[in-house]
Amino acid sequence: MRADEVIARIEAEGSWVDWCHTRDIVLAGDPGREVARIGVAWMATMAAVREADRRHVDLFITHENPFYAPTTQPFRIVERLREEKRSLINRTGMVVYRCHDLWDKIPSVGVADQWARALGLRCRRDFSSYIQHATIDETPLGVFAARCADALAPYGEDAVGVFGDLERPVREIGLGTGAATDICEMLKEPCDACIVADDGISNYHDVQIALDAGVSLIVVNHACCEKPGIDSMVFWLRDKFTDSDVVRLDEGYTIHTVRASVAHILV
């Protein structure tokens, strides 16, 4: 099967995607190439591309954009790294396809629903939305945040950040997907706490709104909260494309929390 045929079968699942205005595009390579092995990662980092080359991947499916944001940040270092990565990909001959808009929202197996599953939350989500809500048994914020950290540990994150009183009981939870963690969208429904990604908030805007609204925030790493959905893609592809080998590639997004060695007291 050719890469463009694999991509067409994937895109046939995305009836809700605006295919004229989508991030889901071929970023490199000849889509007419025959595919024996598909590689999947959250991000096509240099290390992941090299691993894909070693493992003879023909089609690399990446969730996020591996070429940074050159249209808004045309800095020399960005240009140099982008061209270095593009040259590396071109030397391998593999096809790189970004599967983002479809895989974020695809029911059950996609990023949004797999993220809720990893957290053990039964969420309410409109089919077209990244934002979802859940009701849990009343639990102290600190205890609930620890559960979130435990759920993320297998995906490369050893802690979460928390804004709010750790003893405060929470019941109504707002949840976003990756960078799509818009506080104002979450607060359209009652929330005691919102789980947001570090790429999806800013301190001057979102954190301030949450604090002023009396809503606690649990902050997680963007990559780690989307990895459950990327792992799920591997199994979905294996089921759909039985003639191709599908492998999970390591993008290297592991985040460690390093605590201060001296206790500081705020006066």
Protein backbone atom coordinates (compact mmCIF):
# COMPACT_ATOMS: atom_id res chain seq x y z
CA MET A 1 0.00 0.00 0.00
CA ARG A 2 1.23 3.51 -0.82
CA ALA A 3 1.55 6.27 1.77
CA ASP A 4 -1.20 8.35 0.13
CA GLU A 5 -3.55 5.35 0.31
CA VAL A 6 -2.82 4.91 4.03
CA ILE A 7 -3.41 8.63 4.61
CA ALA A 8 -6.67 8.59 2.63
CA ARG A 9 -8.02 5.72 4.76
CA ILE A 10 -7.10 7.59 7.94
CA GLU A 11 -8.69 10.82 6.75
CA ALA A 12 -11.89 9.00 5.78
CA GLU A 13 -12.53 8.70 9.55
CA GLY A 14 -12.60 12.47 10.04
CA SER A 15 -16.01 13.61 8.88
CA TRP A 16 -15.82 16.63 11.23
CA VAL A 17 -12.47 17.93 9.89
CA ASP A 18 -12.45 20.94 7.55
CA TRP A 19 -10.04 19.49 5.01
CA CYS A 20 -9.52 22.92 3.36
CA HIS A 21 -8.27 24.36 6.67
CA THR A 22 -6.47 21.59 8.52
CA ARG A 23 -3.08 20.93 10.05
CA ASP A 24 -3.25 17.33 8.81
CA ILE A 25 -0.93 17.41 5.80
CA VAL A 26 2.07 15.68 4.27
CA LEU A 27 5.13 17.60 5.44
CA ALA A 28 7.88 15.71 3.60
CA GLY A 29 8.52 12.86 1.20
CA ASP A 30 6.77 11.29 -1.79
CA PRO A 31 3.22 10.20 -0.85
CA GLY A 32 3.37 7.67 -3.66
CA ARG A 33 5.98 5.64 -1.77
CA GLU A 34 5.11 2.06 -0.85
CA VAL A 35 4.71 1.53 2.89
CA ALA A 36 5.86 -1.58 4.73
CA ARG A 37 6.40 0.05 8.13
CA ILE A 38 4.58 2.98 9.80
CA GLY A 39 6.15 4.88 12.69
CA VAL A 40 4.10 6.95 15.16
CA ALA A 41 5.21 9.64 17.62
CA TRP A 42 3.78 12.70 19.32
CA MET A 43 6.54 14.79 17.70
CA ALA A 44 9.05 14.04 14.95
CA THR A 45 12.10 15.19 16.90
CA MET A 46 15.57 14.65 15.46
CA ALA A 47 15.99 11.62 17.73
CA ALA A 48 12.66 10.14 16.64
CA VAL A 49 13.52 10.62 12.95
CA ARG A 50 16.88 8.88 13.46
CA GLU A 51 15.15 6.01 15.27
CA ALA A 52 12.62 5.79 12.43
CA ASP A 53 15.47 5.58 9.93
CA ARG A 54 17.17 2.80 11.93
CA ARG A 55 13.91 0.88 12.05
CA HIS A 56 13.26 1.35 8.31
CA VAL A 57 10.07 3.38 8.67
CA ASP A 58 8.45 4.39 5.37
CA LEU A 59 5.66 6.58 6.73
CA PHE A 60 6.18 8.65 9.88
CA ILE A 61 2.93 9.92 11.44
CA THR A 62 3.56 12.80 13.82
CA HIS A 63 0.87 14.50 15.90
CA GLU A 64 2.55 17.88 16.30
CA ASN A 65 4.43 20.11 13.86
CA PRO A 66 8.12 19.08 13.67
CA PHE A 67 9.17 22.29 11.89
CA TYR A 68 8.49 24.78 14.73
CA ALA A 69 6.68 28.05 13.95
CA PRO A 70 8.78 29.67 11.21
CA THR A 71 6.09 32.00 9.95
CA THR A 72 5.79 33.78 13.28
CA GLN A 73 9.35 33.26 14.54
CA PRO A 74 11.73 33.61 11.56
CA PHE A 75 14.88 33.44 13.68
CA ARG A 76 18.15 32.15 12.27
CA ILE A 77 18.48 29.30 14.75
CA VAL A 78 14.92 28.17 13.93
CA GLU A 79 15.64 28.29 10.22
CA ARG A 80 18.88 26.36 10.66
CA LEU A 81 17.31 23.61 12.77
CA ARG A 82 14.30 23.34 10.49
CA GLU A 83 16.49 22.88 7.43
CA GLU A 84 18.74 20.43 9.28
CA LYS A 85 15.74 18.31 10.22
CA ARG A 86 14.23 18.54 6.73
CA SER A 87 17.56 17.43 5.23
CA LEU A 88 17.70 14.49 7.64
CA ILE A 89 14.17 13.43 6.69
CA ASN A 90 14.87 13.83 2.99
CA ARG A 91 17.99 11.65 3.25
CA THR A 92 15.91 8.82 4.71
CA GLY A 93 13.31 9.05 1.94
CA MET A 94 10.46 8.52 4.41
CA VAL A 95 7.11 10.30 4.18
CA VAL A 96 6.18 12.50 7.16
CA TYR A 97 2.46 13.09 7.71
CA ARG A 98 0.96 15.18 10.47
CA CYS A 99 -2.24 13.70 11.93
CA HIS A 100 -3.50 16.26 14.43
CA ASP A 101 -7.01 17.63 13.93
CA LEU A 102 -8.49 14.21 13.22
CA TRP A 103 -6.72 12.39 16.03
CA ASP A 104 -7.45 14.96 18.73
CA LYS A 105 -11.21 14.48 18.46
CA ILE A 106 -11.78 11.01 16.97
CA PRO A 107 -14.11 9.26 19.44
CA SER A 108 -12.84 6.72 21.94
CA VAL A 109 -9.35 6.13 20.52
CA GLY A 110 -8.28 9.77 20.04
CA VAL A 111 -6.26 12.13 22.20
CA ALA A 112 -9.18 13.76 24.05
CA ASP A 113 -10.96 10.58 25.08
CA GLN A 114 -7.78 8.59 25.81
CA TRP A 115 -6.58 11.44 28.06
CA ALA A 116 -9.81 11.25 30.07
CA ARG A 117 -9.50 7.45 30.20
CA ALA A 118 -5.93 7.66 31.51
CA LEU A 119 -7.16 9.92 34.31
CA GLY A 120 -10.03 7.57 35.12
CA LEU A 121 -12.60 10.27 34.35
CA ARG A 122 -15.99 9.73 32.77
CA CYS A 123 -16.26 12.90 30.77
CA ARG A 124 -18.96 14.74 28.88
CA ARG A 125 -17.65 16.03 25.52
CA ASP A 126 -19.36 17.50 22.51
CA PHE A 127 -18.19 15.61 19.42
CA SER A 128 -16.64 18.75 17.90
CA SER A 129 -14.98 20.08 21.05
CA TYR A 130 -11.62 19.62 22.75
CA ILE A 131 -13.12 20.62 26.12
CA GLN A 132 -14.83 18.13 28.40
CA HIS A 133 -16.20 17.95 31.94
CA ALA A 134 -16.50 15.28 34.60
CA THR A 135 -18.08 14.93 38.03
CA ILE A 136 -16.09 12.99 40.64
CA ASP A 137 -16.68 12.05 44.26
CA GLU A 138 -15.76 15.03 46.42
CA THR A 139 -11.99 14.83 46.92
CA PRO A 140 -9.33 17.20 48.34
CA LEU A 141 -7.54 19.00 45.52
CA GLY A 142 -4.15 17.67 46.61
CA VAL A 143 -5.35 14.07 46.58
CA PHE A 144 -6.93 14.48 43.14
CA ALA A 145 -3.78 16.17 41.80
CA ALA A 146 -1.69 13.22 43.07
CA ARG A 147 -3.97 10.86 41.15
CA CYS A 148 -3.34 12.90 38.00
CA ALA A 149 0.42 12.70 38.58
CA ASP A 150 0.19 8.93 39.07
CA ALA A 151 -1.73 8.63 35.78
CA LEU A 152 0.96 10.62 33.95
CA ALA A 153 3.94 8.76 35.39
CA PRO A 154 3.97 6.05 32.67
CA TYR A 155 4.14 8.78 30.00
CA GLY A 156 7.22 10.61 31.25
CA GLU A 157 6.03 13.15 33.85
CA ASP A 158 6.78 12.73 37.54
CA ALA A 159 4.65 15.57 38.97
CA VAL A 160 1.96 18.12 38.20
CA GLY A 161 1.74 21.80 39.09
CA VAL A 162 -1.16 23.03 41.21
CA PHE A 163 -2.66 26.47 41.74
CA GLY A 164 -5.09 26.45 44.67
CA ASP A 165 -5.67 25.27 48.22
CA LEU A 166 -4.64 21.60 48.37
CA GLU A 167 -7.16 20.92 51.14
CA ARG A 168 -10.10 22.37 49.23
CA PRO A 169 -12.61 19.69 48.12
CA VAL A 170 -13.25 19.46 44.36
CA ARG A 171 -16.09 17.73 42.55
CA GLU A 172 -16.67 19.38 39.14
CA ILE A 173 -13.66 19.02 36.82
CA GLY A 174 -12.92 20.75 33.51
CA LEU A 175 -10.51 19.03 31.15
CA GLY A 176 -8.81 20.13 27.94
CA THR A 177 -6.73 18.38 25.29
CA GLY A 178 -3.09 19.40 24.95
CA ALA A 179 -2.84 23.10 24.19
CA ALA A 180 -6.64 23.34 23.79
CA THR A 181 -7.21 24.17 27.44
CA ASP A 182 -9.19 27.40 27.19
CA ILE A 183 -10.23 28.41 30.71
CA CYS A 184 -13.17 30.51 29.50
CA GLU A 185 -14.54 27.55 27.52
CA MET A 186 -14.18 25.28 30.54
CA LEU A 187 -15.94 27.76 32.82
CA LYS A 188 -19.08 27.71 30.66
CA GLU A 189 -19.94 24.83 32.98
CA PRO A 190 -19.37 24.84 36.76
CA CYS A 191 -15.80 23.85 37.68
CA ASP A 192 -14.03 23.44 40.99
CA ALA A 193 -10.76 22.59 39.23
CA CYS A 194 -9.51 22.55 35.65
CA ILE A 195 -6.76 20.34 34.24
CA VAL A 196 -4.74 22.37 31.73
CA ALA A 197 -1.55 21.91 29.71
CA ASP A 198 1.55 24.06 30.07
CA ASP A 199 1.34 25.04 26.37
CA GLY A 200 -2.33 25.94 26.69
CA ILE A 201 -2.24 28.63 29.38
CA SER A 202 -0.46 31.83 30.26
CA ASN A 203 0.09 33.17 33.76
CA TYR A 204 -1.02 36.70 32.98
CA HIS A 205 -4.31 35.56 31.45
CA ASP A 206 -5.53 32.04 32.21
CA VAL A 207 -4.06 31.54 35.68
CA GLN A 208 -5.25 34.99 36.74
CA ILE A 209 -8.78 34.27 35.47
CA ALA A 210 -8.88 30.96 37.33
CA LEU A 211 -7.62 32.49 40.56
CA ASP A 212 -10.10 35.37 40.34
CA ALA A 213 -12.92 32.92 39.60
CA GLY A 214 -11.95 30.77 42.58
CA VAL A 215 -11.10 27.78 40.37
CA SER A 216 -8.07 25.59 41.05
CA LEU A 217 -5.71 24.58 38.24
CA ILE A 218 -3.76 21.37 37.74
CA VAL A 219 -1.03 21.98 35.15
CA VAL A 220 0.41 19.09 33.15
CA ASN A 221 2.92 18.76 30.34
CA HIS A 222 1.42 19.00 26.84
CA ALA A 223 3.27 16.00 25.42
CA CYS A 224 2.62 13.70 28.37
CA CYS A 225 -1.13 14.30 28.45
CA GLU A 226 -1.43 13.49 24.73
CA LYS A 227 0.78 10.39 24.71
CA PRO A 228 -2.09 8.04 25.73
CA GLY A 229 -3.85 9.01 22.50
CA ILE A 230 -0.68 8.49 20.47
CA ASP A 231 -0.21 5.03 21.99
CA SER A 232 -3.81 4.27 21.06
CA MET A 233 -3.11 5.29 17.46
CA VAL A 234 -0.53 2.51 17.19
CA PHE A 235 -3.10 -0.17 18.03
CA TRP A 236 -5.73 1.46 15.80
CA LEU A 237 -3.34 1.50 12.84
CA ARG A 238 -2.32 -2.11 13.44
CA ASP A 239 -5.97 -3.10 13.28
CA LYS A 240 -6.64 -1.09 10.11
CA PHE A 241 -3.43 -1.86 8.20
CA THR A 242 -2.65 -5.50 8.81
CA ASP A 243 -0.22 -5.65 5.88
CA SER A 244 2.04 -2.98 7.45
CA ASP A 245 4.15 -3.09 10.59
CA VAL A 246 3.36 -0.22 12.99
CA VAL A 247 5.90 0.90 15.60
CA ARG A 248 5.87 3.48 18.39
CA LEU A 249 8.84 5.88 18.22
CA ASP A 250 10.39 7.69 21.19
CA GLU A 251 10.12 11.46 20.79
CA GLY A 252 12.10 12.11 23.98
CA TYR A 253 9.57 14.29 25.78
CA THR A 254 10.25 13.28 29.38
CA ILE A 255 9.91 15.99 32.03
CA HIS A 256 11.38 15.78 35.54
CA THR A 257 10.54 18.01 38.48
CA VAL A 258 13.66 19.16 40.34
CA ARG A 259 12.82 20.59 43.74
CA ALA A 260 14.72 23.29 45.63
CA SER A 261 17.35 21.89 47.98
CA VAL A 262 16.58 24.49 50.66
CA ALA A 263 13.13 25.16 52.10
CA HIS A 264 12.07 28.75 51.49
CA ILE A 265 9.46 30.50 53.57
CA LEU A 266 7.36 33.25 51.97
CA VAL A 267 7.19 36.22 54.32
